[in-house]
Amino acid sequence: MIVLSLLYPVYMTLYVCAAFFVGMVNSWIHAVMYFYYGLAAIGPSMQKYLWWKKHMTTLQLVSRLLTVLL
């Protein structure tokens, strides 16, 4: 029991750091998504600047994988 109580702060620190990391990654991914949606909403004239749609999808999938693993 004493060992568990000594390890609890270490566990909580790692848990909080992982949660913060996941939250930050999620925020950045959503910022990129909304930037893309904003450009797409401007109209067909912006289509040539939206070549990175596949990369955005890959970032979303990697983000979800990190969330599940952490």
Protein backbone atom coordinates (compact mmCIF):
# COMPACT_ATOMS: atom_id res chain seq x y z
CA MET A 1 0.00 0.00 0.00
CA ILE A 2 2.84 2.40 0.79
CA VAL A 3 4.48 1.65 -2.56
CA LEU A 4 1.24 2.46 -4.37
CA SER A 5 0.85 5.73 -2.52
CA LEU A 6 4.42 6.67 -3.44
CA LEU A 7 3.86 5.88 -7.12
CA TYR A 8 0.54 7.72 -7.35
CA PRO A 9 2.10 11.19 -7.97
CA VAL A 10 4.25 9.74 -10.76
CA TYR A 11 1.24 8.05 -12.34
CA MET A 12 -0.89 11.18 -12.10
CA THR A 13 1.88 13.33 -13.57
CA LEU A 14 2.21 11.01 -16.57
CA TYR A 15 -1.57 10.85 -16.96
CA VAL A 16 -1.94 14.63 -16.89
CA CYS A 17 0.93 15.08 -19.36
CA ALA A 18 -0.60 12.54 -21.74
CA ALA A 19 -4.02 14.19 -21.48
CA PHE A 20 -2.48 17.62 -22.14
CA PHE A 21 -0.57 16.27 -25.15
CA VAL A 22 -3.68 14.65 -26.63
CA GLY A 23 -5.65 17.86 -26.10
CA MET A 24 -3.00 19.98 -27.78
CA VAL A 25 -2.72 17.65 -30.77
CA ASN A 26 -6.50 17.61 -31.10
CA SER A 27 -6.63 21.42 -30.97
CA TRP A 28 -4.01 21.81 -33.68
CA ILE A 29 -5.70 19.24 -35.92
CA HIS A 30 -9.01 21.07 -35.56
CA ALA A 31 -7.36 24.40 -36.34
CA VAL A 32 -6.00 22.91 -39.58
CA MET A 33 -9.41 21.42 -40.38
CA TYR A 34 -11.25 24.71 -39.88
CA PHE A 35 -8.66 26.54 -41.94
CA TYR A 36 -9.27 24.04 -44.75
CA TYR A 37 -13.06 24.39 -44.41
CA GLY A 38 -12.72 28.16 -44.51
CA LEU A 39 -10.72 28.02 -47.71
CA ALA A 40 -13.14 25.52 -49.23
CA ALA A 41 -16.11 27.76 -48.36
CA ILE A 42 -14.66 30.65 -50.36
CA GLY A 43 -15.51 28.82 -53.55
CA PRO A 44 -14.08 27.06 -56.60
CA SER A 45 -11.38 29.69 -57.03
CA MET A 46 -9.61 28.25 -53.96
CA GLN A 47 -9.66 24.67 -55.25
CA LYS A 48 -6.07 24.81 -56.49
CA TYR A 49 -4.90 25.67 -52.94
CA LEU A 50 -6.62 22.66 -51.37
CA TRP A 51 -4.19 20.00 -52.60
CA TRP A 52 -3.38 18.99 -49.01
CA LYS A 53 -6.76 17.40 -48.23
CA LYS A 54 -5.25 13.89 -48.15
CA HIS A 55 -2.58 15.05 -45.71
CA MET A 56 -5.23 16.54 -43.46
CA THR A 57 -7.09 13.22 -43.38
CA THR A 58 -3.86 11.42 -42.51
CA LEU A 59 -3.26 13.88 -39.66
CA GLN A 60 -6.75 13.22 -38.33
CA LEU A 61 -6.21 9.47 -38.38
CA VAL A 62 -2.83 9.73 -36.66
CA SER A 63 -4.40 12.00 -34.05
CA ARG A 64 -7.11 9.44 -33.32
CA LEU A 65 -4.53 6.65 -33.11
CA LEU A 66 -2.49 8.65 -30.59
CA THR A 67 -5.63 9.27 -28.56
CA VAL A 68 -6.42 5.57 -28.42
CA LEU A 69 -2.85 4.57 -27.58
CA LEU A 70 -2.36 7.14 -24.85
